[in-house]
Amino acid sequence: MIRVAYPASVLPEFLSDFPAEAELIPVSEKMEHEVEAEVWIPDPYATRAMRTWPKLRGVKLVLSLMAGTEWIPGTVGPHVTICNARGAHSVATAEWVLTAILASLKQLPLFLDIQCSENWRRRREASAAYAAVSGDQRAYHPDVMLEELTGKTVLMVGHGSIGKEIERMLEPFRVQMVRVARSARTEPKVHPVSELTKLLPRADVVVLILPYSTETHRLIDKAQLEAMRQGTLLVNAARGAIVNTDALVEVLQLGRIRAALDVTDPEPLPEGHPLWSCPNLLMTPHVAGSSPEFAPHALRVAAGELRRYLAGEPLQNMVQAGI
């Protein structure tokens, strides 16, 4: 038997995929005793998980339920093997990205405000908003300008499992895809991140879906934001610190670009922060990966990884090899 510590908040029915050799032990930060376990599945909320860690002993393998694991190495140390839940959040996050793009291009935040104001004639504000952010001053009839996603150029920064799922969902819109990742690839064509700044002027939409690290900290800084052409839509479903928030606030307030954010820096975004009141901004509170299917998907990934661990097979989602 192998002892596996898992969050006490997980419903028992979500654990049915785990192998019979696993002794499943519910743990939480409220425990008053220490627990011996070789495998730890941390609570999805990092603060709760970090309070649980000091009460665990003997952990050799961490199976995260999240795609991002940036807090785990510093908590458990280099001697522990760490796997993430790559693939578990792909559908939910990709759907959020697609929704955010369409909602921004169709100006749904403005129309929700119009609905709340009960003033039908305010529909004309959509044309004015489009003209201001796009620089397109052409007069059309009817007097509401909503953009089409079809045929636009989408620059995808990050091409892992979530990025590939976003691209799959974008296929019906016949967008022109430009892909950027850490290193270049040929099938499909992926540009190295070193070429990002020169590629930005080509994009109508820029999607950030890459891991956070010291290398990607403020990857989108003032120079990159200024390289985007007038009216570009920046979509961040990765991590807030990949973007320089002060620089983003500046370009949004100037009406240079638009943004749809699920993540911010700082996070949670404090009351009174200037980002809250920026124009041309759609923002959600880090919920892109949320779904009623989150726990089943993530625990199924963890169970599969545990089976490979027990069989001595290579781990598929390893992000740190214990030493």
C-alpha atoms as a PDB file:
ATOM      1  CA  MET A   1       0.000   0.000   0.000  1.00  0.00           C
ATOM      2  CA  ILE A   2       1.055   3.582  -0.652  1.00  0.00           C
ATOM      3  CA  ARG A   3      -0.228   6.383   1.550  1.00  0.00           C
ATOM      4  CA  VAL A   4      -1.733   9.283  -0.403  1.00  0.00           C
ATOM      5  CA  ALA A   5      -2.727  12.493   1.388  1.00  0.00           C
ATOM      6  CA  TYR A   6      -5.505  14.410  -0.355  1.00  0.00           C
ATOM      7  CA  PRO A   7      -7.613  17.511   0.487  1.00  0.00           C
ATOM      8  CA  ALA A   8     -10.339  16.690   2.988  1.00  0.00           C
ATOM      9  CA  SER A   9     -12.710  18.908   0.986  1.00  0.00           C
ATOM     10  CA  VAL A  10     -12.702  16.455  -1.960  1.00  0.00           C
ATOM     11  CA  LEU A  11     -15.901  14.421  -2.234  1.00  0.00           C
ATOM     12  CA  PRO A  12     -15.306  10.650  -1.889  1.00  0.00           C
ATOM     13  CA  GLU A  13     -17.012   9.874  -5.215  1.00  0.00           C
ATOM     14  CA  PHE A  14     -14.278  11.808  -7.042  1.00  0.00           C
ATOM     15  CA  LEU A  15     -11.652   9.325  -5.803  1.00  0.00           C
ATOM     16  CA  SER A  16     -13.009   6.248  -7.551  1.00  0.00           C
ATOM     17  CA  ASP A  17     -10.262   6.256 -10.225  1.00  0.00           C
ATOM     18  CA  PHE A  18      -7.430   5.799  -7.737  1.00  0.00           C
ATOM     19  CA  PRO A  19      -5.754   2.376  -7.682  1.00  0.00           C
ATOM     20  CA  ALA A  20      -6.606  -0.106  -4.946  1.00  0.00           C
ATOM     21  CA  GLU A  21      -2.993   0.043  -3.711  1.00  0.00           C
ATOM     22  CA  ALA A  22      -3.545   3.647  -2.557  1.00  0.00           C
ATOM     23  CA  GLU A  23      -4.467   4.301   1.071  1.00  0.00           C
ATOM     24  CA  LEU A  24      -6.258   7.628   0.769  1.00  0.00           C
ATOM     25  CA  ILE A  25      -5.880   9.931   3.773  1.00  0.00           C
ATOM     26  CA  PRO A  26      -7.865  13.199   4.005  1.00  0.00           C
ATOM     27  CA  VAL A  27      -5.780  16.109   5.294  1.00  0.00           C
ATOM     28  CA  SER A  28      -6.301  19.814   5.917  1.00  0.00           C
ATOM     29  CA  GLU A  29      -4.579  22.827   7.459  1.00  0.00           C
ATOM     30  CA  LYS A  30      -6.770  22.346  10.542  1.00  0.00           C
ATOM     31  CA  MET A  31      -5.174  19.025  11.490  1.00  0.00           C
ATOM     32  CA  GLU A  32      -3.700  18.892  14.970  1.00  0.00           C
ATOM     33  CA  HIS A  33      -1.510  15.853  14.251  1.00  0.00           C
ATOM     34  CA  GLU A  34       1.187  14.927  11.740  1.00  0.00           C
ATOM     35  CA  VAL A  35       0.485  12.557   8.833  1.00  0.00           C
ATOM     36  CA  GLU A  36       2.931  10.205   7.135  1.00  0.00           C
ATOM     37  CA  ALA A  37       2.341   9.995   3.371  1.00  0.00           C
ATOM     38  CA  GLU A  38       4.526   9.275   0.345  1.00  0.00           C
ATOM     39  CA  VAL A  39       2.230  11.134  -2.057  1.00  0.00           C
ATOM     40  CA  TRP A  40       0.533  14.479  -1.479  1.00  0.00           C
ATOM     41  CA  ILE A  41      -2.297  15.960  -3.523  1.00  0.00           C
ATOM     42  CA  PRO A  42      -2.326  19.612  -2.363  1.00  0.00           C
ATOM     43  CA  ASP A  43      -5.449  21.662  -1.861  1.00  0.00           C
ATOM     44  CA  PRO A  44      -6.107  23.735  -5.030  1.00  0.00           C
ATOM     45  CA  TYR A  45      -5.940  26.876  -2.879  1.00  0.00           C
ATOM     46  CA  ALA A  46      -2.223  27.472  -2.356  1.00  0.00           C
ATOM     47  CA  THR A  47      -2.581  29.273   0.972  1.00  0.00           C
ATOM     48  CA  ARG A  48      -4.468  26.347   2.504  1.00  0.00           C
ATOM     49  CA  ALA A  49      -2.030  23.856   1.003  1.00  0.00           C
ATOM     50  CA  MET A  50       0.987  25.717   2.385  1.00  0.00           C
ATOM     51  CA  ARG A  51      -0.545  25.631   5.863  1.00  0.00           C
ATOM     52  CA  THR A  52      -1.048  21.867   5.498  1.00  0.00           C
ATOM     53  CA  TRP A  53       2.496  21.075   4.349  1.00  0.00           C
ATOM     54  CA  PRO A  54       4.246  21.417   7.764  1.00  0.00           C
ATOM     55  CA  LYS A  55       2.015  18.639   9.124  1.00  0.00           C
ATOM     56  CA  LEU A  56       3.064  16.100   6.472  1.00  0.00           C
ATOM     57  CA  ARG A  57       6.003  13.735   6.721  1.00  0.00           C
ATOM     58  CA  GLY A  58       7.763  11.523   4.157  1.00  0.00           C
ATOM     59  CA  VAL A  59       6.359  13.081   0.973  1.00  0.00           C
ATOM     60  CA  LYS A  60       8.269  12.052  -2.140  1.00  0.00           C
ATOM     61  CA  LEU A  61       5.717  12.919  -4.854  1.00  0.00           C
ATOM     62  CA  VAL A  62       3.357  15.885  -5.196  1.00  0.00           C
ATOM     63  CA  LEU A  63       0.443  15.549  -7.608  1.00  0.00           C
ATOM     64  CA  SER A  64      -0.936  19.040  -8.108  1.00  0.00           C
ATOM     65  CA  LEU A  65      -4.541  19.515  -9.193  1.00  0.00           C
ATOM     66  CA  MET A  66      -3.562  22.725 -10.971  1.00  0.00           C
ATOM     67  CA  ALA A  67      -1.646  23.517 -14.142  1.00  0.00           C
ATOM     68  CA  GLY A  68       0.432  26.172 -12.373  1.00  0.00           C
ATOM     69  CA  THR A  69       2.815  24.881  -9.709  1.00  0.00           C
ATOM     70  CA  GLU A  70       5.017  27.928  -9.120  1.00  0.00           C
ATOM     71  CA  TRP A  71       4.498  27.971  -5.325  1.00  0.00           C
ATOM     72  CA  ILE A  72       5.206  24.251  -4.789  1.00  0.00           C
ATOM     73  CA  PRO A  73       9.012  23.928  -5.304  1.00  0.00           C
ATOM     74  CA  GLY A  74       9.735  26.641  -2.759  1.00  0.00           C
ATOM     75  CA  THR A  75       7.406  24.941  -0.271  1.00  0.00           C
ATOM     76  CA  VAL A  76       8.430  21.273  -0.563  1.00  0.00           C
ATOM     77  CA  GLY A  77      12.063  21.688  -1.622  1.00  0.00           C
ATOM     78  CA  PRO A  78      14.124  20.176  -4.447  1.00  0.00           C
ATOM     79  CA  HIS A  79      14.091  16.576  -3.170  1.00  0.00           C
ATOM     80  CA  VAL A  80      10.370  16.060  -3.957  1.00  0.00           C
ATOM     81  CA  THR A  81       9.073  15.127  -7.419  1.00  0.00           C
ATOM     82  CA  ILE A  82       6.264  17.422  -8.619  1.00  0.00           C
ATOM     83  CA  CYS A  83       3.637  16.787 -11.302  1.00  0.00           C
ATOM     84  CA  ASN A  84       1.007  19.229 -12.478  1.00  0.00           C
ATOM     85  CA  ALA A  85      -2.494  18.564 -13.827  1.00  0.00           C
ATOM     86  CA  ARG A  86      -1.693  19.347 -17.452  1.00  0.00           C
ATOM     87  CA  GLY A  87      -4.806  18.872 -19.549  1.00  0.00           C
ATOM     88  CA  ALA A  88      -7.316  18.926 -16.690  1.00  0.00           C
ATOM     89  CA  HIS A  89      -8.261  22.574 -17.203  1.00  0.00           C
ATOM     90  CA  SER A  90      -7.875  22.835 -20.961  1.00  0.00           C
ATOM     91  CA  VAL A  91     -11.553  22.880 -21.932  1.00  0.00           C
ATOM     92  CA  ALA A  92     -12.742  25.315 -19.248  1.00  0.00           C
ATOM     93  CA  THR A  93      -9.882  27.749 -19.793  1.00  0.00           C
ATOM     94  CA  ALA A  94     -10.117  27.579 -23.578  1.00  0.00           C
ATOM     95  CA  GLU A  95     -13.850  28.279 -23.403  1.00  0.00           C
ATOM     96  CA  TRP A  96     -13.164  31.316 -21.183  1.00  0.00           C
ATOM     97  CA  VAL A  97     -10.631  32.640 -23.704  1.00  0.00           C
ATOM     98  CA  LEU A  98     -13.057  32.213 -26.589  1.00  0.00           C
ATOM     99  CA  THR A  99     -15.844  33.848 -24.545  1.00  0.00           C
ATOM    100  CA  ALA A 100     -13.601  36.759 -23.538  1.00  0.00           C
ATOM    101  CA  ILE A 101     -12.539  37.397 -27.139  1.00  0.00           C
ATOM    102  CA  LEU A 102     -16.097  37.381 -28.454  1.00  0.00           C
ATOM    103  CA  ALA A 103     -17.475  39.397 -25.520  1.00  0.00           C
ATOM    104  CA  SER A 104     -14.825  42.067 -26.082  1.00  0.00           C
ATOM    105  CA  LEU A 105     -15.251  42.254 -29.854  1.00  0.00           C
ATOM    106  CA  LYS A 106     -19.049  42.353 -29.497  1.00  0.00           C
ATOM    107  CA  GLN A 107     -18.810  44.925 -26.651  1.00  0.00           C
ATOM    108  CA  LEU A 108     -20.956  42.882 -24.272  1.00  0.00           C
ATOM    109  CA  PRO A 109     -19.756  44.748 -21.144  1.00  0.00           C
ATOM    110  CA  LEU A 110     -21.067  47.985 -22.671  1.00  0.00           C
ATOM    111  CA  PHE A 111     -24.374  46.388 -23.621  1.00  0.00           C
ATOM    112  CA  LEU A 112     -24.794  44.971 -20.124  1.00  0.00           C
ATOM    113  CA  ASP A 113     -24.338  48.510 -18.793  1.00  0.00           C
ATOM    114  CA  ILE A 114     -26.914  49.728 -21.329  1.00  0.00           C
ATOM    115  CA  GLN A 115     -29.316  47.005 -20.197  1.00  0.00           C
ATOM    116  CA  CYS A 116     -28.924  48.133 -16.586  1.00  0.00           C
ATOM    117  CA  SER A 117     -29.536  51.762 -17.602  1.00  0.00           C
ATOM    118  CA  GLU A 118     -32.750  50.847 -19.493  1.00  0.00           C
ATOM    119  CA  ASN A 119     -31.802  53.261 -22.275  1.00  0.00           C
ATOM    120  CA  TRP A 120     -32.043  51.658 -25.736  1.00  0.00           C
ATOM    121  CA  ARG A 121     -30.645  54.718 -27.531  1.00  0.00           C
ATOM    122  CA  ARG A 122     -27.289  54.281 -25.828  1.00  0.00           C
ATOM    123  CA  ARG A 123     -26.595  51.584 -28.407  1.00  0.00           C
ATOM    124  CA  ARG A 124     -24.864  54.286 -30.440  1.00  0.00           C
ATOM    125  CA  GLU A 125     -22.109  54.336 -27.824  1.00  0.00           C
ATOM    126  CA  ALA A 126     -20.865  51.062 -29.297  1.00  0.00           C
ATOM    127  CA  SER A 127     -19.890  52.782 -32.548  1.00  0.00           C
ATOM    128  CA  ALA A 128     -18.150  55.589 -30.690  1.00  0.00           C
ATOM    129  CA  ALA A 129     -16.239  53.106 -28.519  1.00  0.00           C
ATOM    130  CA  TYR A 130     -15.195  51.068 -31.540  1.00  0.00           C
ATOM    131  CA  ALA A 131     -14.015  54.153 -33.430  1.00  0.00           C
ATOM    132  CA  ALA A 132     -12.043  55.424 -30.439  1.00  0.00           C
ATOM    133  CA  VAL A 133     -10.115  52.224 -29.733  1.00  0.00           C
ATOM    134  CA  SER A 134      -9.696  51.004 -33.319  1.00  0.00           C
ATOM    135  CA  GLY A 135      -9.001  54.302 -35.040  1.00  0.00           C
ATOM    136  CA  ASP A 136     -11.523  53.282 -37.709  1.00  0.00           C
ATOM    137  CA  GLN A 137     -13.606  56.405 -38.314  1.00  0.00           C
ATOM    138  CA  ARG A 138     -15.688  55.073 -41.203  1.00  0.00           C
ATOM    139  CA  ALA A 139     -19.398  55.794 -40.875  1.00  0.00           C
ATOM    140  CA  TYR A 140     -21.706  52.848 -41.393  1.00  0.00           C
ATOM    141  CA  HIS A 141     -25.410  52.200 -41.091  1.00  0.00           C
ATOM    142  CA  PRO A 142     -26.762  50.839 -38.798  1.00  0.00           C
ATOM    143  CA  ASP A 143     -25.036  52.873 -36.150  1.00  0.00           C
ATOM    144  CA  VAL A 144     -23.678  50.014 -34.049  1.00  0.00           C
ATOM    145  CA  MET A 145     -20.232  48.650 -34.784  1.00  0.00           C
ATOM    146  CA  LEU A 146     -19.557  45.123 -33.566  1.00  0.00           C
ATOM    147  CA  GLU A 147     -16.480  43.349 -34.853  1.00  0.00           C
ATOM    148  CA  GLU A 148     -16.180  39.905 -36.384  1.00  0.00           C
ATOM    149  CA  LEU A 149     -13.665  37.429 -35.017  1.00  0.00           C
ATOM    150  CA  THR A 150     -13.645  35.515 -38.306  1.00  0.00           C
ATOM    151  CA  GLY A 151     -10.514  36.170 -40.309  1.00  0.00           C
ATOM    152  CA  LYS A 152      -8.616  38.012 -37.589  1.00  0.00           C
ATOM    153  CA  THR A 153      -4.977  37.264 -36.694  1.00  0.00           C
ATOM    154  CA  VAL A 154      -4.542  35.658 -33.277  1.00  0.00           C
ATOM    155  CA  LEU A 155      -1.089  35.543 -31.705  1.00  0.00           C
ATOM    156  CA  MET A 156      -0.924  32.713 -29.151  1.00  0.00           C
ATOM    157  CA  VAL A 157       1.861  33.066 -26.588  1.00  0.00           C
ATOM    158  CA  GLY A 158       2.213  29.567 -25.154  1.00  0.00           C
ATOM    159  CA  HIS A 159       1.368  26.386 -27.025  1.00  0.00           C
ATOM    160  CA  GLY A 160       0.823  23.698 -24.413  1.00  0.00           C
ATOM    161  CA  SER A 161      -2.333  21.668 -23.864  1.00  0.00           C
ATOM    162  CA  ILE A 162      -4.524  24.716 -23.140  1.00  0.00           C
ATOM    163  CA  GLY A 163      -3.121  26.678 -26.070  1.00  0.00           C
ATOM    164  CA  LYS A 164      -3.799  23.793 -28.412  1.00  0.00           C
ATOM    165  CA  GLU A 165      -7.377  23.530 -27.136  1.00  0.00           C
ATOM    166  CA  ILE A 166      -7.897  27.267 -27.670  1.00  0.00           C
ATOM    167  CA  GLU A 167      -6.621  26.889 -31.220  1.00  0.00           C
ATOM    168  CA  ARG A 168      -9.005  23.977 -31.829  1.00  0.00           C
ATOM    169  CA  MET A 169     -11.950  26.083 -30.642  1.00  0.00           C
ATOM    170  CA  LEU A 170     -10.884  28.964 -32.881  1.00  0.00           C
ATOM    171  CA  GLU A 171     -10.839  26.809 -36.036  1.00  0.00           C
ATOM    172  CA  PRO A 172     -14.458  27.574 -37.112  1.00  0.00           C
ATOM    173  CA  PHE A 173     -13.603  31.284 -37.148  1.00  0.00           C
ATOM    174  CA  ARG A 174     -10.864  30.765 -39.758  1.00  0.00           C
ATOM    175  CA  VAL A 175      -8.428  32.960 -37.857  1.00  0.00           C
ATOM    176  CA  GLN A 176      -4.807  33.348 -38.882  1.00  0.00           C
ATOM    177  CA  MET A 177      -2.769  31.722 -36.103  1.00  0.00           C
ATOM    178  CA  VAL A 178       0.663  32.969 -35.089  1.00  0.00           C
ATOM    179  CA  ARG A 179       2.187  30.760 -32.377  1.00  0.00           C
ATOM    180  CA  VAL A 180       4.937  31.643 -29.910  1.00  0.00           C
ATOM    181  CA  ALA A 181       6.549  29.352 -27.336  1.00  0.00           C
ATOM    182  CA  ARG A 182       9.825  28.999 -25.450  1.00  0.00           C
ATOM    183  CA  SER A 183      11.500  27.373 -28.441  1.00  0.00           C
ATOM    184  CA  ALA A 184      10.751  27.186 -32.160  1.00  0.00           C
ATOM    185  CA  ARG A 185       8.944  24.192 -33.702  1.00  0.00           C
ATOM    186  CA  THR A 186       8.044  23.270 -37.251  1.00  0.00           C
ATOM    187  CA  GLU A 187       4.788  21.238 -37.172  1.00  0.00           C
ATOM    188  CA  PRO A 188       2.810  23.385 -36.672  1.00  0.00           C
ATOM    189  CA  LYS A 189       5.043  26.414 -37.032  1.00  0.00           C
ATOM    190  CA  VAL A 190       5.866  27.932 -33.653  1.00  0.00           C
ATOM    191  CA  HIS A 191       8.075  30.993 -33.270  1.00  0.00           C
ATOM    192  CA  PRO A 192      10.564  31.293 -30.397  1.00  0.00           C
ATOM    193  CA  VAL A 193       9.707  33.773 -27.656  1.00  0.00           C
ATOM    194  CA  SER A 194      12.730  35.838 -28.724  1.00  0.00           C
ATOM    195  CA  GLU A 195      10.669  36.915 -31.779  1.00  0.00           C
ATOM    196  CA  LEU A 196       7.613  37.994 -29.772  1.00  0.00           C
ATOM    197  CA  THR A 197       8.089  41.759 -29.908  1.00  0.00           C
ATOM    198  CA  LYS A 198       8.512  41.865 -33.687  1.00  0.00           C
ATOM    199  CA  LEU A 199       5.437  39.619 -34.163  1.00  0.00           C
ATOM    200  CA  LEU A 200       3.088  41.699 -31.982  1.00  0.00           C
ATOM    201  CA  PRO A 201       2.242  44.322 -34.662  1.00  0.00           C
ATOM    202  CA  ARG A 202       0.734  41.546 -36.819  1.00  0.00           C
ATOM    203  CA  ALA A 203      -1.914  40.575 -34.255  1.00  0.00           C
ATOM    204  CA  ASP A 204      -5.522  41.622 -33.808  1.00  0.00           C
ATOM    205  CA  VAL A 205      -5.740  39.454 -30.682  1.00  0.00           C
ATOM    206  CA  VAL A 206      -2.881  38.421 -28.362  1.00  0.00           C
ATOM    207  CA  VAL A 207      -3.578  35.460 -26.059  1.00  0.00           C
ATOM    208  CA  LEU A 208      -1.289  34.736 -23.099  1.00  0.00           C
ATOM    209  CA  ILE A 209      -1.472  31.113 -21.964  1.00  0.00           C
ATOM    210  CA  LEU A 210       2.085  30.308 -20.869  1.00  0.00           C
ATOM    211  CA  PRO A 211       3.540  29.215 -17.521  1.00  0.00           C
ATOM    212  CA  TYR A 212       4.822  31.818 -15.083  1.00  0.00           C
ATOM    213  CA  SER A 213       8.534  31.747 -14.294  1.00  0.00           C
ATOM    214  CA  THR A 214      11.433  34.125 -13.790  1.00  0.00           C
ATOM    215  CA  GLU A 215      11.857  34.085 -17.579  1.00  0.00           C
ATOM    216  CA  THR A 216       8.225  35.059 -18.249  1.00  0.00           C
ATOM    217  CA  HIS A 217       7.946  37.670 -15.477  1.00  0.00           C
ATOM    218  CA  ARG A 218       6.742  40.849 -17.202  1.00  0.00           C
ATOM    219  CA  LEU A 219       7.231  39.284 -20.609  1.00  0.00           C
ATOM    220  CA  ILE A 220       4.610  41.820 -21.719  1.00  0.00           C
ATOM    221  CA  ASP A 221       6.154  45.104 -20.620  1.00  0.00           C
ATOM    222  CA  LYS A 222       5.919  48.668 -21.876  1.00  0.00           C
ATOM    223  CA  ALA A 223       7.863  47.925 -25.070  1.00  0.00           C
ATOM    224  CA  GLN A 224       5.629  44.980 -25.984  1.00  0.00           C
ATOM    225  CA  LEU A 225       2.426  46.914 -25.237  1.00  0.00           C
ATOM    226  CA  GLU A 226       3.651  49.798 -27.398  1.00  0.00           C
ATOM    227  CA  ALA A 227       4.480  47.331 -30.197  1.00  0.00           C
ATOM    228  CA  MET A 228       0.813  46.300 -30.405  1.00  0.00           C
ATOM    229  CA  ARG A 229      -1.107  48.183 -33.001  1.00  0.00           C
ATOM    230  CA  GLN A 230      -4.058  50.432 -32.186  1.00  0.00           C
ATOM    231  CA  GLY A 231      -7.061  48.448 -30.955  1.00  0.00           C
ATOM    232  CA  THR A 232      -5.281  45.136 -30.303  1.00  0.00           C
ATOM    233  CA  LEU A 233      -7.080  42.908 -27.800  1.00  0.00           C
ATOM    234  CA  LEU A 234      -4.787  41.442 -25.105  1.00  0.00           C
ATOM    235  CA  VAL A 235      -6.212  38.335 -23.393  1.00  0.00           C
ATOM    236  CA  ASN A 236      -4.446  37.028 -20.281  1.00  0.00           C
ATOM    237  CA  ALA A 237      -5.533  33.642 -18.924  1.00  0.00           C
ATOM    238  CA  ALA A 238      -2.068  32.743 -17.643  1.00  0.00           C
ATOM    239  CA  ARG A 239      -0.640  34.656 -14.667  1.00  0.00           C
ATOM    240  CA  GLY A 240      -0.959  38.332 -13.829  1.00  0.00           C
ATOM    241  CA  ALA A 241       2.760  38.982 -13.351  1.00  0.00           C
ATOM    242  CA  ILE A 242       3.457  38.048 -16.980  1.00  0.00           C
ATOM    243  CA  VAL A 243       2.157  41.570 -17.738  1.00  0.00           C
ATOM    244  CA  ASN A 244       3.493  44.823 -16.288  1.00  0.00           C
ATOM    245  CA  THR A 245       0.291  46.106 -14.675  1.00  0.00           C
ATOM    246  CA  ASP A 246       1.368  49.758 -14.488  1.00  0.00           C
ATOM    247  CA  ALA A 247       2.243  49.771 -18.181  1.00  0.00           C
ATOM    248  CA  LEU A 248      -1.044  48.063 -19.029  1.00  0.00           C
ATOM    249  CA  VAL A 249      -3.041  50.626 -17.050  1.00  0.00           C
ATOM    250  CA  GLU A 250      -1.284  53.390 -18.970  1.00  0.00           C
ATOM    251  CA  VAL A 251      -2.059  52.045 -22.455  1.00  0.00           C
ATOM    252  CA  LEU A 252      -5.657  51.230 -21.501  1.00  0.00           C
ATOM    253  CA  GLN A 253      -6.231  54.724 -20.133  1.00  0.00           C
ATOM    254  CA  LEU A 254      -4.804  56.165 -23.353  1.00  0.00           C
ATOM    255  CA  GLY A 255      -7.238  54.053 -25.382  1.00  0.00           C
ATOM    256  CA  ARG A 256      -4.400  52.328 -27.254  1.00  0.00           C
ATOM    257  CA  ILE A 257      -5.488  48.719 -26.779  1.00  0.00           C
ATOM    258  CA  ARG A 258      -8.173  46.570 -25.182  1.00  0.00           C
ATOM    259  CA  ALA A 259      -7.773  43.794 -22.646  1.00  0.00           C
ATOM    260  CA  ALA A 260      -9.606  40.807 -21.214  1.00  0.00           C
ATOM    261  CA  LEU A 261      -8.020  39.569 -17.985  1.00  0.00           C
ATOM    262  CA  ASP A 262      -8.699  36.607 -15.748  1.00  0.00           C
ATOM    263  CA  VAL A 263      -5.529  37.247 -13.751  1.00  0.00           C
ATOM    264  CA  THR A 264      -3.895  40.367 -12.360  1.00  0.00           C
ATOM    265  CA  ASP A 265      -0.793  41.537 -10.538  1.00  0.00           C
ATOM    266  CA  PRO A 266      -1.375  42.064  -7.659  1.00  0.00           C
ATOM    267  CA  GLU A 267      -3.931  39.351  -7.022  1.00  0.00           C
ATOM    268  CA  PRO A 268      -6.466  39.640  -5.522  1.00  0.00           C
ATOM    269  CA  LEU A 269      -6.751  43.076  -7.072  1.00  0.00           C
ATOM    270  CA  PRO A 270      -7.300  45.513  -4.171  1.00  0.00           C
ATOM    271  CA  GLU A 271     -10.177  47.958  -4.016  1.00  0.00           C
ATOM    272  CA  GLY A 272      -9.306  51.301  -5.524  1.00  0.00           C
ATOM    273  CA  HIS A 273      -6.649  49.913  -7.875  1.00  0.00           C
ATOM    274  CA  PRO A 274      -6.677  51.922 -11.141  1.00  0.00           C
ATOM    275  CA  LEU A 275      -7.082  48.752 -13.210  1.00  0.00           C
ATOM    276  CA  TRP A 276     -10.680  48.424 -11.975  1.00  0.00           C
ATOM    277  CA  SER A 277     -11.742  51.609 -13.740  1.00  0.00           C
ATOM    278  CA  CYS A 278      -9.743  51.283 -16.968  1.00  0.00           C
ATOM    279  CA  PRO A 279     -11.683  51.670 -20.220  1.00  0.00           C
ATOM    280  CA  ASN A 280     -11.867  48.866 -22.800  1.00  0.00           C
ATOM    281  CA  LEU A 281     -11.331  46.224 -20.126  1.00  0.00           C
ATOM    282  CA  LEU A 282     -13.181  42.987 -19.347  1.00  0.00           C
ATOM    283  CA  MET A 283     -11.998  41.374 -16.117  1.00  0.00           C
ATOM    284  CA  THR A 284     -12.906  38.233 -14.173  1.00  0.00           C
ATOM    285  CA  PRO A 285     -11.472  37.149 -10.769  1.00  0.00           C
ATOM    286  CA  HIS A 286      -9.240  34.194 -11.761  1.00  0.00           C
ATOM    287  CA  VAL A 287     -12.083  31.841 -12.647  1.00  0.00           C
ATOM    288  CA  ALA A 288     -11.187  30.780 -16.204  1.00  0.00           C
ATOM    289  CA  GLY A 289     -10.378  27.201 -15.192  1.00  0.00           C
ATOM    290  CA  SER A 290     -13.391  26.900 -12.909  1.00  0.00           C
ATOM    291  CA  SER A 291     -15.996  24.298 -13.782  1.00  0.00           C
ATOM    292  CA  PRO A 292     -18.182  21.697 -12.044  1.00  0.00           C
ATOM    293  CA  GLU A 293     -15.920  19.235 -13.882  1.00  0.00           C
ATOM    294  CA  PHE A 294     -12.720  20.661 -12.354  1.00  0.00           C
ATOM    295  CA  ALA A 295     -12.345  18.142  -9.501  1.00  0.00           C
ATOM    296  CA  PRO A 296     -13.209  15.015 -11.552  1.00  0.00           C
ATOM    297  CA  HIS A 297     -10.854  16.024 -14.375  1.00  0.00           C
ATOM    298  CA  ALA A 298      -7.930  16.952 -12.123  1.00  0.00           C
ATOM    299  CA  LEU A 299      -8.240  13.926  -9.851  1.00  0.00           C
ATOM    300  CA  ARG A 300      -8.453  11.641 -12.877  1.00  0.00           C
ATOM    301  CA  VAL A 301      -5.147  13.099 -14.081  1.00  0.00           C
ATOM    302  CA  ALA A 302      -3.628  12.593 -10.606  1.00  0.00           C
ATOM    303  CA  ALA A 303      -4.881   9.000 -10.454  1.00  0.00           C
ATOM    304  CA  GLY A 304      -3.306   8.215 -13.815  1.00  0.00           C
ATOM    305  CA  GLU A 305      -0.002   9.690 -12.706  1.00  0.00           C
ATOM    306  CA  LEU A 306      -0.123   7.660  -9.475  1.00  0.00           C
ATOM    307  CA  ARG A 307      -0.612   4.448 -11.469  1.00  0.00           C
ATOM    308  CA  ARG A 308       2.488   5.254 -13.526  1.00  0.00           C
ATOM    309  CA  TYR A 309       4.423   6.006 -10.339  1.00  0.00           C
ATOM    310  CA  LEU A 310       3.431   2.658  -8.804  1.00  0.00           C
ATOM    311  CA  ALA A 311       4.373   0.828 -12.010  1.00  0.00           C
ATOM    312  CA  GLY A 312       7.742   2.543 -12.239  1.00  0.00           C
ATOM    313  CA  GLU A 313       6.772   4.166 -15.534  1.00  0.00           C
ATOM    314  CA  PRO A 314       7.778   7.682 -16.656  1.00  0.00           C
ATOM    315  CA  LEU A 315       5.539  10.398 -15.259  1.00  0.00           C
ATOM    316  CA  GLN A 316       3.734  12.393 -17.966  1.00  0.00           C
ATOM    317  CA  ASN A 317       3.286  15.728 -16.174  1.00  0.00           C
ATOM    318  CA  MET A 318       6.506  16.027 -14.194  1.00  0.00           C
ATOM    319  CA  VAL A 319       7.685  19.602 -13.683  1.00  0.00           C
ATOM    320  CA  GLN A 320      10.354  18.821 -11.072  1.00  0.00           C
ATOM    321  CA  ALA A 321      12.350  15.634 -10.686  1.00  0.00           C
ATOM    322  CA  GLY A 322      13.165  15.061  -7.039  1.00  0.00           C
ATOM    323  CA  ILE A 323      16.846  14.779  -6.153  1.00  0.00           C
END
